[in-house]
Amino acid sequence: MISQPMTTVMGTHGVHIFKCSRTEYLEAAYIGEIRRYISYLMRTQPRVRAVLDLTEAIQLSSEAIGLIVVLTNVLQEAGGGLHLANISEETASVLAIANLQDVISMYHSVDDAISGF
């Protein structure tokens, strides 16, 4: 069961936007819920492209980061992708220290993330 609220909308060009809301610390359970939803989408449509809007998430748990990497790889292998938008400086620093900036696509805004596809 998801403990944090999630909103998903279909953005421009068929990109699914997942907006994290009202949380400072994004946990693995939240990303797991997104992964389950994306798995459903992958059964019903080709090339799933998604943006995770982290406007209100200041930090990501290490498990959440691991799941984001897995989800990114799964979507890329299927011809789609996952982009992160509105990442806090703290999260961007952690991803850079973990040398994940080449694995996870990060953008300053949702519109930039959508354009990155």
PDB file of N, CA and C in Angstrom:
ATOM      1  N   MET A   1       0.841  -1.184   0.000  1.00  0.00           N
ATOM      2  CA  MET A   1       0.000   0.000   0.000  1.00  0.00           C
ATOM      3  C   MET A   1       0.879   1.237   0.000  1.00  0.00           C
ATOM      4  N   ILE A   2       0.515   2.195  -0.828  1.00  0.00           N
ATOM      5  CA  ILE A   2       1.302   3.418  -0.953  1.00  0.00           C
ATOM      6  C   ILE A   2       1.004   4.350   0.209  1.00  0.00           C
ATOM      7  N   SER A   3       2.057   4.877   0.806  1.00  0.00           N
ATOM      8  CA  SER A   3       1.876   5.746   1.961  1.00  0.00           C
ATOM      9  C   SER A   3       1.934   7.219   1.584  1.00  0.00           C
ATOM     10  N   GLN A   4       2.328   7.480   0.355  1.00  0.00           N
ATOM     11  CA  GLN A   4       2.455   8.864  -0.079  1.00  0.00           C
ATOM     12  C   GLN A   4       1.553   9.098  -1.285  1.00  0.00           C
ATOM     13  N   PRO A   5       0.922  10.255  -1.366  1.00  0.00           N
ATOM     14  CA  PRO A   5       0.019  10.506  -2.480  1.00  0.00           C
ATOM     15  C   PRO A   5       0.762  10.619  -3.805  1.00  0.00           C
ATOM     16  N   MET A   6       0.138  10.114  -4.850  1.00  0.00           N
ATOM     17  CA  MET A   6       0.716  10.174  -6.180  1.00  0.00           C
ATOM     18  C   MET A   6      -0.368  10.632  -7.135  1.00  0.00           C
ATOM     19  N   THR A   7       0.005  11.472  -8.052  1.00  0.00           N
ATOM     20  CA  THR A   7      -0.897  11.894  -9.102  1.00  0.00           C
ATOM     21  C   THR A   7      -0.227  11.563 -10.417  1.00  0.00           C
ATOM     22  N   THR A   8      -0.966  10.996 -11.344  1.00  0.00           N
ATOM     23  CA  THR A   8      -0.418  10.758 -12.670  1.00  0.00           C
ATOM     24  C   THR A   8      -1.345  11.374 -13.695  1.00  0.00           C
ATOM     25  N   VAL A   9      -0.758  12.016 -14.661  1.00  0.00           N
ATOM     26  CA  VAL A   9      -1.534  12.608 -15.744  1.00  0.00           C
ATOM     27  C   VAL A   9      -0.821  12.308 -17.053  1.00  0.00           C
ATOM     28  N   MET A  10      -1.579  12.305 -18.124  1.00  0.00           N
ATOM     29  CA  MET A  10      -0.972  12.140 -19.432  1.00  0.00           C
ATOM     30  C   MET A  10      -0.544  13.514 -19.901  1.00  0.00           C
ATOM     31  N   GLY A  11       0.729  13.682 -20.085  1.00  0.00           N
ATOM     32  CA  GLY A  11       1.261  14.960 -20.540  1.00  0.00           C
ATOM     33  C   GLY A  11       1.247  15.041 -22.051  1.00  0.00           C
ATOM     34  N   THR A  12       1.924  16.015 -22.558  1.00  0.00           N
ATOM     35  CA  THR A  12       2.007  16.176 -23.998  1.00  0.00           C
ATOM     36  C   THR A  12       2.817  15.049 -24.612  1.00  0.00           C
ATOM     37  N   HIS A  13       2.519  14.725 -25.823  1.00  0.00           N
ATOM     38  CA  HIS A  13       3.221  13.698 -26.588  1.00  0.00           C
ATOM     39  C   HIS A  13       3.139  12.317 -25.944  1.00  0.00           C
ATOM     40  N   GLY A  14       2.076  12.043 -25.190  1.00  0.00           N
ATOM     41  CA  GLY A  14       1.876  10.724 -24.608  1.00  0.00           C
ATOM     42  C   GLY A  14       2.806  10.365 -23.468  1.00  0.00           C
ATOM     43  N   VAL A  15       3.392  11.336 -22.821  1.00  0.00           N
ATOM     44  CA  VAL A  15       4.289  11.088 -21.693  1.00  0.00           C
ATOM     45  C   VAL A  15       3.477  11.089 -20.406  1.00  0.00           C
ATOM     46  N   HIS A  16       3.644  10.061 -19.590  1.00  0.00           N
ATOM     47  CA  HIS A  16       2.963   9.977 -18.302  1.00  0.00           C
ATOM     48  C   HIS A  16       3.777  10.754 -17.272  1.00  0.00           C
ATOM     49  N   ILE A  17       3.101  11.604 -16.530  1.00  0.00           N
ATOM     50  CA  ILE A  17       3.780  12.427 -15.529  1.00  0.00           C
ATOM     51  C   ILE A  17       3.314  11.971 -14.148  1.00  0.00           C
ATOM     52  N   PHE A  18       4.273  11.577 -13.325  1.00  0.00           N
ATOM     53  CA  PHE A  18       3.995  11.178 -11.950  1.00  0.00           C
ATOM     54  C   PHE A  18       4.474  12.297 -11.050  1.00  0.00           C
ATOM     55  N   LYS A  19       3.558  12.891 -10.332  1.00  0.00           N
ATOM     56  CA  LYS A  19       3.903  14.009  -9.460  1.00  0.00           C
ATOM     57  C   LYS A  19       3.901  13.548  -8.017  1.00  0.00           C
ATOM     58  N   CYS A  20       5.058  13.634  -7.423  1.00  0.00           N
ATOM     59  CA  CYS A  20       5.202  13.333  -6.009  1.00  0.00           C
ATOM     60  C   CYS A  20       4.663  14.545  -5.254  1.00  0.00           C
ATOM     61  N   SER A  21       3.826  14.297  -4.269  1.00  0.00           N
ATOM     62  CA  SER A  21       3.273  15.442  -3.557  1.00  0.00           C
ATOM     63  C   SER A  21       3.342  15.258  -2.047  1.00  0.00           C
ATOM     64  N   ARG A  22       3.531  16.358  -1.376  1.00  0.00           N
ATOM     65  CA  ARG A  22       3.510  16.445   0.082  1.00  0.00           C
ATOM     66  C   ARG A  22       4.429  15.459   0.795  1.00  0.00           C
ATOM     67  N   THR A  23       5.655  15.375   0.361  1.00  0.00           N
ATOM     68  CA  THR A  23       6.613  14.551   1.088  1.00  0.00           C
ATOM     69  C   THR A  23       8.001  15.143   0.941  1.00  0.00           C
ATOM     70  N   GLU A  24       8.786  15.023   1.970  1.00  0.00           N
ATOM     71  CA  GLU A  24      10.164  15.482   1.880  1.00  0.00           C
ATOM     72  C   GLU A  24      11.100  14.331   1.574  1.00  0.00           C
ATOM     73  N   TYR A  25      10.699  13.114   1.917  1.00  0.00           N
ATOM     74  CA  TYR A  25      11.566  11.962   1.782  1.00  0.00           C
ATOM     75  C   TYR A  25      10.841  10.892   0.987  1.00  0.00           C
ATOM     76  N   LEU A  26      11.303  10.636  -0.214  1.00  0.00           N
ATOM     77  CA  LEU A  26      10.650   9.687  -1.101  1.00  0.00           C
ATOM     78  C   LEU A  26      11.193   8.288  -0.837  1.00  0.00           C
ATOM     79  N   GLU A  27      10.304   7.376  -0.482  1.00  0.00           N
ATOM     80  CA  GLU A  27      10.708   6.029  -0.110  1.00  0.00           C
ATOM     81  C   GLU A  27      10.491   5.037  -1.244  1.00  0.00           C
ATOM     82  N   ALA A  28      11.095   3.858  -1.091  1.00  0.00           N
ATOM     83  CA  ALA A  28      11.022   2.811  -2.109  1.00  0.00           C
ATOM     84  C   ALA A  28       9.590   2.375  -2.392  1.00  0.00           C
ATOM     85  N   ALA A  29       8.733   2.349  -1.385  1.00  0.00           N
ATOM     86  CA  ALA A  29       7.344   1.914  -1.590  1.00  0.00           C
ATOM     87  C   ALA A  29       6.648   2.791  -2.621  1.00  0.00           C
ATOM     88  N   TYR A  30       6.958   4.066  -2.616  1.00  0.00           N
ATOM     89  CA  TYR A  30       6.362   5.002  -3.571  1.00  0.00           C
ATOM     90  C   TYR A  30       6.798   4.658  -4.992  1.00  0.00           C
ATOM     91  N   ILE A  31       8.110   4.444  -5.172  1.00  0.00           N
ATOM     92  CA  ILE A  31       8.627   4.095  -6.501  1.00  0.00           C
ATOM     93  C   ILE A  31       8.093   2.725  -6.918  1.00  0.00           C
ATOM     94  N   GLY A  32       7.936   1.813  -5.952  1.00  0.00           N
ATOM     95  CA  GLY A  32       7.365   0.510  -6.254  1.00  0.00           C
ATOM     96  C   GLY A  32       5.952   0.617  -6.798  1.00  0.00           C
ATOM     97  N   GLU A  33       5.168   1.514  -6.245  1.00  0.00           N
ATOM     98  CA  GLU A  33       3.806   1.742  -6.735  1.00  0.00           C
ATOM     99  C   GLU A  33       3.837   2.280  -8.162  1.00  0.00           C
ATOM    100  N   ILE A  34       4.739   3.192  -8.430  1.00  0.00           N
ATOM    101  CA  ILE A  34       4.888   3.714  -9.794  1.00  0.00           C
ATOM    102  C   ILE A  34       5.314   2.587 -10.735  1.00  0.00           C
ATOM    103  N   ARG A  35       6.237   1.748 -10.267  1.00  0.00           N
ATOM    104  CA  ARG A  35       6.706   0.632 -11.087  1.00  0.00           C
ATOM    105  C   ARG A  35       5.548  -0.302 -11.440  1.00  0.00           C
ATOM    106  N   ARG A  36       4.683  -0.605 -10.478  1.00  0.00           N
ATOM    107  CA  ARG A  36       3.528  -1.465 -10.759  1.00  0.00           C
ATOM    108  C   ARG A  36       2.600  -0.830 -11.792  1.00  0.00           C
ATOM    109  N   TYR A  37       2.383   0.459 -11.669  1.00  0.00           N
ATOM    110  CA  TYR A  37       1.525   1.154 -12.628  1.00  0.00           C
ATOM    111  C   TYR A  37       2.167   1.155 -14.016  1.00  0.00           C
ATOM    112  N   ILE A  38       3.467   1.398 -14.074  1.00  0.00           N
ATOM    113  CA  ILE A  38       4.159   1.400 -15.367  1.00  0.00           C
ATOM    114  C   ILE A  38       4.167  -0.003 -15.974  1.00  0.00           C
ATOM    115  N   SER A  39       4.295  -1.035 -15.151  1.00  0.00           N
ATOM    116  CA  SER A  39       4.227  -2.412 -15.663  1.00  0.00           C
ATOM    117  C   SER A  39       2.879  -2.658 -16.334  1.00  0.00           C
ATOM    118  N   TYR A  40       1.809  -2.163 -15.722  1.00  0.00           N
ATOM    119  CA  TYR A  40       0.485  -2.259 -16.333  1.00  0.00           C
ATOM    120  C   TYR A  40       0.466  -1.522 -17.673  1.00  0.00           C
ATOM    121  N   LEU A  41       0.999  -0.309 -17.694  1.00  0.00           N
ATOM    122  CA  LEU A  41       1.025   0.474 -18.931  1.00  0.00           C
ATOM    123  C   LEU A  41       1.800  -0.247 -20.027  1.00  0.00           C
ATOM    124  N   MET A  42       2.902  -0.893 -19.648  1.00  0.00           N
ATOM    125  CA  MET A  42       3.731  -1.580 -20.636  1.00  0.00           C
ATOM    126  C   MET A  42       2.999  -2.765 -21.269  1.00  0.00           C
ATOM    127  N   ARG A  43       2.018  -3.321 -20.577  1.00  0.00           N
ATOM    128  CA  ARG A  43       1.215  -4.412 -21.149  1.00  0.00           C
ATOM    129  C   ARG A  43       0.170  -3.872 -22.118  1.00  0.00           C
ATOM    130  N   THR A  44      -0.182  -2.609 -22.004  1.00  0.00           N
ATOM    131  CA  THR A  44      -1.272  -2.056 -22.810  1.00  0.00           C
ATOM    132  C   THR A  44      -0.824  -1.077 -23.888  1.00  0.00           C
ATOM    133  N   GLN A  45       0.428  -0.644 -23.844  1.00  0.00           N
ATOM    134  CA  GLN A  45       0.889   0.306 -24.854  1.00  0.00           C
ATOM    135  C   GLN A  45       2.395   0.180 -25.068  1.00  0.00           C
ATOM    136  N   PRO A  46       2.828   0.455 -26.284  1.00  0.00           N
ATOM    137  CA  PRO A  46       4.260   0.375 -26.579  1.00  0.00           C
ATOM    138  C   PRO A  46       4.989   1.636 -26.103  1.00  0.00           C
ATOM    139  N   ARG A  47       6.268   1.508 -25.898  1.00  0.00           N
ATOM    140  CA  ARG A  47       7.141   2.652 -25.606  1.00  0.00           C
ATOM    141  C   ARG A  47       6.606   3.579 -24.519  1.00  0.00           C
ATOM    142  N   VAL A  48       6.516   3.123 -23.324  1.00  0.00           N
ATOM    143  CA  VAL A  48       6.047   3.956 -22.225  1.00  0.00           C
ATOM    144  C   VAL A  48       7.140   4.961 -21.873  1.00  0.00           C
ATOM    145  N   ARG A  49       6.753   6.212 -21.881  1.00  0.00           N
ATOM    146  CA  ARG A  49       7.661   7.289 -21.474  1.00  0.00           C
ATOM    147  C   ARG A  49       7.045   7.974 -20.266  1.00  0.00           C
ATOM    148  N   ALA A  50       7.865   8.191 -19.247  1.00  0.00           N
ATOM    149  CA  ALA A  50       7.345   8.741 -18.000  1.00  0.00           C
ATOM    150  C   ALA A  50       8.290   9.784 -17.431  1.00  0.00           C
ATOM    151  N   VAL A  51       7.697  10.732 -16.715  1.00  0.00           N
ATOM    152  CA  VAL A  51       8.453  11.760 -15.998  1.00  0.00           C
ATOM    153  C   VAL A  51       8.038  11.678 -14.535  1.00  0.00           C
ATOM    154  N   LEU A  52       9.022  11.633 -13.660  1.00  0.00           N
ATOM    155  CA  LEU A  52       8.770  11.672 -12.224  1.00  0.00           C
ATOM    156  C   LEU A  52       9.093  13.082 -11.751  1.00  0.00           C
ATOM    157  N   ASP A  53       8.050  13.834 -11.389  1.00  0.00           N
ATOM    158  CA  ASP A  53       8.190  15.214 -10.938  1.00  0.00           C
ATOM    159  C   ASP A  53       8.465  15.215  -9.435  1.00  0.00           C
ATOM    160  N   LEU A  54       9.668  15.590  -9.064  1.00  0.00           N
ATOM    161  CA  LEU A  54      10.106  15.560  -7.668  1.00  0.00           C
ATOM    162  C   LEU A  54      10.089  16.932  -7.015  1.00  0.00           C
ATOM    163  N   THR A  55       9.199  17.802  -7.461  1.00  0.00           N
ATOM    164  CA  THR A  55       9.130  19.165  -6.943  1.00  0.00           C
ATOM    165  C   THR A  55       9.097  19.215  -5.423  1.00  0.00           C
ATOM    166  N   GLU A  56       8.311  18.349  -4.813  1.00  0.00           N
ATOM    167  CA  GLU A  56       8.129  18.415  -3.359  1.00  0.00           C
ATOM    168  C   GLU A  56       8.900  17.339  -2.597  1.00  0.00           C
ATOM    169  N   ALA A  57       9.778  16.626  -3.271  1.00  0.00           N
ATOM    170  CA  ALA A  57      10.593  15.603  -2.604  1.00  0.00           C
ATOM    171  C   ALA A  57      12.015  16.138  -2.459  1.00  0.00           C
ATOM    172  N   ILE A  58      12.446  16.301  -1.246  1.00  0.00           N
ATOM    173  CA  ILE A  58      13.776  16.848  -1.006  1.00  0.00           C
ATOM    174  C   ILE A  58      14.837  15.756  -1.087  1.00  0.00           C
ATOM    175  N   GLN A  59      14.520  14.563  -0.573  1.00  0.00           N
ATOM    176  CA  GLN A  59      15.475  13.462  -0.564  1.00  0.00           C
ATOM    177  C   GLN A  59      14.831  12.192  -1.091  1.00  0.00           C
ATOM    178  N   LEU A  60      15.693  11.289  -1.611  1.00  0.00           N
ATOM    179  CA  LEU A  60      15.254   9.967  -2.026  1.00  0.00           C
ATOM    180  C   LEU A  60      15.986   8.944  -1.168  1.00  0.00           C
ATOM    181  N   SER A  61      15.289   7.898  -0.750  1.00  0.00           N
ATOM    182  CA  SER A  61      15.985   6.840  -0.023  1.00  0.00           C
ATOM    183  C   SER A  61      16.895   6.104  -1.003  1.00  0.00           C
ATOM    184  N   SER A  62      17.889   5.410  -0.477  1.00  0.00           N
ATOM    185  CA  SER A  62      18.797   4.665  -1.349  1.00  0.00           C
ATOM    186  C   SER A  62      18.040   3.565  -2.094  1.00  0.00           C
ATOM    187  N   GLU A  63      17.059   2.969  -1.446  1.00  0.00           N
ATOM    188  CA  GLU A  63      16.233   1.959  -2.116  1.00  0.00           C
ATOM    189  C   GLU A  63      15.425   2.578  -3.254  1.00  0.00           C
ATOM    190  N   ALA A  64      14.902   3.778  -3.043  1.00  0.00           N
ATOM    191  CA  ALA A  64      14.145   4.466  -4.091  1.00  0.00           C
ATOM    192  C   ALA A  64      15.047   4.749  -5.291  1.00  0.00           C
ATOM    193  N   ILE A  65      16.275   5.166  -5.028  1.00  0.00           N
ATOM    194  CA  ILE A  65      17.220   5.432  -6.121  1.00  0.00           C
ATOM    195  C   ILE A  65      17.490   4.142  -6.892  1.00  0.00           C
ATOM    196  N   GLY A  66      17.686   3.039  -6.181  1.00  0.00           N
ATOM    197  CA  GLY A  66      17.910   1.755  -6.844  1.00  0.00           C
ATOM    198  C   GLY A  66      16.743   1.361  -7.728  1.00  0.00           C
ATOM    199  N   LEU A  67      15.519   1.547  -7.230  1.00  0.00           N
ATOM    200  CA  LEU A  67      14.329   1.222  -8.024  1.00  0.00           C
ATOM    201  C   LEU A  67      14.199   2.144  -9.239  1.00  0.00           C
ATOM    202  N   ILE A  68      14.575   3.403  -9.090  1.00  0.00           N
ATOM    203  CA  ILE A  68      14.540   4.330 -10.229  1.00  0.00           C
ATOM    204  C   ILE A  68      15.503   3.856 -11.315  1.00  0.00           C
ATOM    205  N   VAL A  69      16.691   3.396 -10.913  1.00  0.00           N
ATOM    206  CA  VAL A  69      17.667   2.883 -11.885  1.00  0.00           C
ATOM    207  C   VAL A  69      17.096   1.662 -12.605  1.00  0.00           C
ATOM    208  N   VAL A  70      16.514   0.728 -11.854  1.00  0.00           N
ATOM    209  CA  VAL A  70      15.919  -0.468 -12.456  1.00  0.00           C
ATOM    210  C   VAL A  70      14.798  -0.088 -13.408  1.00  0.00           C
ATOM    211  N   LEU A  71      13.908   0.792 -12.969  1.00  0.00           N
ATOM    212  CA  LEU A  71      12.785   1.206 -13.794  1.00  0.00           C
ATOM    213  C   LEU A  71      13.261   1.926 -15.059  1.00  0.00           C
ATOM    214  N   THR A  72      14.280   2.747 -14.920  1.00  0.00           N
ATOM    215  CA  THR A  72      14.856   3.428 -16.079  1.00  0.00           C
ATOM    216  C   THR A  72      15.350   2.408 -17.102  1.00  0.00           C
ATOM    217  N   ASN A  73      16.088   1.409 -16.639  1.00  0.00           N
ATOM    218  CA  ASN A  73      16.622   0.382 -17.541  1.00  0.00           C
ATOM    219  C   ASN A  73      15.526  -0.427 -18.211  1.00  0.00           C
ATOM    220  N   VAL A  74      14.502  -0.813 -17.452  1.00  0.00           N
ATOM    221  CA  VAL A  74      13.386  -1.591 -18.006  1.00  0.00           C
ATOM    222  C   VAL A  74      12.686  -0.796 -19.105  1.00  0.00           C
ATOM    223  N   LEU A  75      12.411   0.466 -18.840  1.00  0.00           N
ATOM    224  CA  LEU A  75      11.719   1.293 -19.835  1.00  0.00           C
ATOM    225  C   LEU A  75      12.582   1.536 -21.063  1.00  0.00           C
ATOM    226  N   GLN A  76      13.881   1.772 -20.870  1.00  0.00           N
ATOM    227  CA  GLN A  76      14.771   1.985 -22.013  1.00  0.00           C
ATOM    228  C   GLN A  76      14.863   0.743 -22.891  1.00  0.00           C
ATOM    229  N   GLU A  77      14.950  -0.431 -22.267  1.00  0.00           N
ATOM    230  CA  GLU A  77      15.012  -1.674 -23.033  1.00  0.00           C
ATOM    231  C   GLU A  77      13.751  -1.892 -23.860  1.00  0.00           C
ATOM    232  N   ALA A  78      12.633  -1.352 -23.406  1.00  0.00           N
ATOM    233  CA  ALA A  78      11.360  -1.487 -24.121  1.00  0.00           C
ATOM    234  C   ALA A  78      11.123  -0.335 -25.098  1.00  0.00           C
ATOM    235  N   GLY A  79      12.104   0.534 -25.262  1.00  0.00           N
ATOM    236  CA  GLY A  79      11.979   1.637 -26.211  1.00  0.00           C
ATOM    237  C   GLY A  79      11.403   2.910 -25.632  1.00  0.00           C
ATOM    238  N   GLY A  80      11.161   2.941 -24.323  1.00  0.00           N
ATOM    239  CA  GLY A  80      10.631   4.131 -23.662  1.00  0.00           C
ATOM    240  C   GLY A  80      11.690   4.779 -22.793  1.00  0.00           C
ATOM    241  N   GLY A  81      11.270   5.324 -21.674  1.00  0.00           N
ATOM    242  CA  GLY A  81      12.237   5.931 -20.782  1.00  0.00           C
ATOM    243  C   GLY A  81      11.599   6.582 -19.580  1.00  0.00           C
ATOM    244  N   LEU A  82      12.449   6.905 -18.612  1.00  0.00           N
ATOM    245  CA  LEU A  82      12.038   7.607 -17.406  1.00  0.00           C
ATOM    246  C   LEU A  82      12.959   8.796 -17.211  1.00  0.00           C
ATOM    247  N   HIS A  83      12.381   9.961 -17.055  1.00  0.00           N
ATOM    248  CA  HIS A  83      13.138  11.173 -16.770  1.00  0.00           C
ATOM    249  C   HIS A  83      12.689  11.734 -15.434  1.00  0.00           C
ATOM    250  N   LEU A  84      13.632  12.297 -14.689  1.00  0.00           N
ATOM    251  CA  LEU A  84      13.319  12.959 -13.423  1.00  0.00           C
ATOM    252  C   LEU A  84      13.291  14.458 -13.653  1.00  0.00           C
ATOM    253  N   ALA A  85      12.352  15.137 -13.008  1.00  0.00           N
ATOM    254  CA  ALA A  85      12.227  16.590 -13.159  1.00  0.00           C
ATOM    255  C   ALA A  85      12.165  17.249 -11.789  1.00  0.00           C
ATOM    256  N   ASN A  86      12.628  18.484 -11.739  1.00  0.00           N
ATOM    257  CA  ASN A  86      12.549  19.305 -10.518  1.00  0.00           C
ATOM    258  C   ASN A  86      13.228  18.641  -9.322  1.00  0.00           C
ATOM    259  N   ILE A  87      14.453  18.213  -9.526  1.00  0.00           N
ATOM    260  CA  ILE A  87      15.210  17.520  -8.481  1.00  0.00           C
ATOM    261  C   ILE A  87      15.863  18.545  -7.566  1.00  0.00           C
ATOM    262  N   SER A  88      15.818  18.275  -6.268  1.00  0.00           N
ATOM    263  CA  SER A  88      16.477  19.170  -5.317  1.00  0.00           C
ATOM    264  C   SER A  88      17.991  19.093  -5.515  1.00  0.00           C
ATOM    265  N   GLU A  89      18.685  20.131  -5.090  1.00  0.00           N
ATOM    266  CA  GLU A  89      20.147  20.143  -5.186  1.00  0.00           C
ATOM    267  C   GLU A  89      20.741  18.991  -4.397  1.00  0.00           C
ATOM    268  N   GLU A  90      20.150  18.693  -3.258  1.00  0.00           N
ATOM    269  CA  GLU A  90      20.644  17.608  -2.411  1.00  0.00           C
ATOM    270  C   GLU A  90      20.549  16.260  -3.129  1.00  0.00           C
ATOM    271  N   THR A  91      19.417  16.002  -3.765  1.00  0.00           N
ATOM    272  CA  THR A  91      19.243  14.748  -4.494  1.00  0.00           C
ATOM    273  C   THR A  91      20.170  14.682  -5.693  1.00  0.00           C
ATOM    274  N   ALA A  92      20.299  15.783  -6.418  1.00  0.00           N
ATOM    275  CA  ALA A  92      21.208  15.814  -7.571  1.00  0.00           C
ATOM    276  C   ALA A  92      22.636  15.528  -7.130  1.00  0.00           C
ATOM    277  N   SER A  93      23.037  16.055  -5.983  1.00  0.00           N
ATOM    278  CA  SER A  93      24.388  15.805  -5.461  1.00  0.00           C
ATOM    279  C   SER A  93      24.591  14.335  -5.127  1.00  0.00           C
ATOM    280  N   VAL A  94      23.587  13.723  -4.496  1.00  0.00           N
ATOM    281  CA  VAL A  94      23.681  12.301  -4.153  1.00  0.00           C
ATOM    282  C   VAL A  94      23.801  11.460  -5.418  1.00  0.00           C
ATOM    283  N   LEU A  95      23.003  11.771  -6.431  1.00  0.00           N
ATOM    284  CA  LEU A  95      23.063  11.023  -7.686  1.00  0.00           C
ATOM    285  C   LEU A  95      24.408  11.206  -8.378  1.00  0.00           C
ATOM    286  N   ALA A  96      24.965  12.403  -8.287  1.00  0.00           N
ATOM    287  CA  ALA A  96      26.285  12.655  -8.878  1.00  0.00           C
ATOM    288  C   ALA A  96      27.373  11.893  -8.133  1.00  0.00           C
ATOM    289  N   ILE A  97      27.313  11.886  -6.813  1.00  0.00           N
ATOM    290  CA  ILE A  97      28.303  11.151  -6.010  1.00  0.00           C
ATOM    291  C   ILE A  97      28.232   9.659  -6.340  1.00  0.00           C
ATOM    292  N   ALA A  98      27.023   9.148  -6.552  1.00  0.00           N
ATOM    293  CA  ALA A  98      26.840   7.736  -6.899  1.00  0.00           C
ATOM    294  C   ALA A  98      27.134   7.472  -8.380  1.00  0.00           C
ATOM    295  N   ASN A  99      27.550   8.509  -9.094  1.00  0.00           N
ATOM    296  CA  ASN A  99      27.889   8.427 -10.514  1.00  0.00           C
ATOM    297  C   ASN A  99      26.704   7.940 -11.354  1.00  0.00           C
ATOM    298  N   LEU A 100      25.507   8.420 -11.021  1.00  0.00           N
ATOM    299  CA  LEU A 100      24.289   8.012 -11.727  1.00  0.00           C
ATOM    300  C   LEU A 100      23.781   9.061 -12.705  1.00  0.00           C
ATOM    301  N   GLN A 101      24.465  10.189 -12.825  1.00  0.00           N
ATOM    302  CA  GLN A 101      23.993  11.233 -13.723  1.00  0.00           C
ATOM    303  C   GLN A 101      24.000  10.783 -15.186  1.00  0.00           C
ATOM    304  N   ASP A 102      24.786   9.745 -15.521  1.00  0.00           N
ATOM    305  CA  ASP A 102      24.782   9.221 -16.885  1.00  0.00           C
ATOM    306  C   ASP A 102      23.729   8.132 -17.076  1.00  0.00           C
ATOM    307  N   VAL A 103      23.168   7.627 -15.987  1.00  0.00           N
ATOM    308  CA  VAL A 103      22.172   6.563 -16.038  1.00  0.00           C
ATOM    309  C   VAL A 103      20.760   7.135 -15.950  1.00  0.00           C
ATOM    310  N   ILE A 104      20.584   8.123 -15.085  1.00  0.00           N
ATOM    311  CA  ILE A 104      19.282   8.730 -14.840  1.00  0.00           C
ATOM    312  C   ILE A 104      19.250  10.113 -15.485  1.00  0.00           C
ATOM    313  N   SER A 105      18.272  10.327 -16.349  1.00  0.00           N
ATOM    314  CA  SER A 105      18.128  11.629 -17.006  1.00  0.00           C
ATOM    315  C   SER A 105      17.422  12.590 -16.064  1.00  0.00           C
ATOM    316  N   MET A 106      18.069  13.725 -15.781  1.00  0.00           N
ATOM    317  CA  MET A 106      17.530  14.708 -14.842  1.00  0.00           C
ATOM    318  C   MET A 106      17.333  16.043 -15.554  1.00  0.00           C
ATOM    319  N   TYR A 107      16.206  16.680 -15.267  1.00  0.00           N
ATOM    320  CA  TYR A 107      15.860  17.944 -15.904  1.00  0.00           C
ATOM    321  C   TYR A 107      15.369  18.943 -14.862  1.00  0.00           C
ATOM    322  N   HIS A 108      15.460  20.216 -15.206  1.00  0.00           N
ATOM    323  CA  HIS A 108      15.048  21.276 -14.283  1.00  0.00           C
ATOM    324  C   HIS A 108      13.536  21.464 -14.224  1.00  0.00           C
ATOM    325  N   SER A 109      12.827  21.017 -15.255  1.00  0.00           N
ATOM    326  CA  SER A 109      11.375  21.185 -15.273  1.00  0.00           C
ATOM    327  C   SER A 109      10.721  20.001 -15.962  1.00  0.00           C
ATOM    328  N   VAL A 110       9.421  19.863 -15.754  1.00  0.00           N
ATOM    329  CA  VAL A 110       8.662  18.793 -16.417  1.00  0.00           C
ATOM    330  C   VAL A 110       8.691  19.005 -17.923  1.00  0.00           C
ATOM    331  N   ASP A 111       8.527  20.243 -18.359  1.00  0.00           N
ATOM    332  CA  ASP A 111       8.542  20.514 -19.801  1.00  0.00           C
ATOM    333  C   ASP A 111       9.879  20.120 -20.428  1.00  0.00           C
ATOM    334  N   ASP A 112      10.989  20.411 -19.741  1.00  0.00           N
ATOM    335  CA  ASP A 112      12.308  20.008 -20.243  1.00  0.00           C
ATOM    336  C   ASP A 112      12.429  18.486 -20.295  1.00  0.00           C
ATOM    337  N   ALA A 113      11.910  17.817 -19.270  1.00  0.00           N
ATOM    338  CA  ALA A 113      11.965  16.354 -19.225  1.00  0.00           C
ATOM    339  C   ALA A 113      11.168  15.739 -20.369  1.00  0.00           C
ATOM    340  N   ILE A 114      10.013  16.302 -20.672  1.00  0.00           N
ATOM    341  CA  ILE A 114       9.194  15.823 -21.791  1.00  0.00           C
ATOM    342  C   ILE A 114       9.929  16.055 -23.097  1.00  0.00           C
ATOM    343  N   SER A 115      10.515  17.220 -23.242  1.00  0.00           N
ATOM    344  CA  SER A 115      11.262  17.540 -24.465  1.00  0.00           C
ATOM    345  C   SER A 115      12.477  16.651 -24.642  1.00  0.00           C
ATOM    346  N   GLY A 116      12.993  16.093 -23.538  1.00  0.00           N
ATOM    347  CA  GLY A 116      14.173  15.238 -23.603  1.00  0.00           C
ATOM    348  C   GLY A 116      13.939  13.894 -24.254  1.00  0.00           C
ATOM    349  N   PHE A 117      12.677  13.544 -24.526  1.00  0.00           N
ATOM    350  CA  PHE A 117      12.400  12.245 -25.156  1.00  0.00           C
ATOM    351  C   PHE A 117      12.599  12.322 -26.631  1.00  0.00           C
TER     352      PHE A 117
END
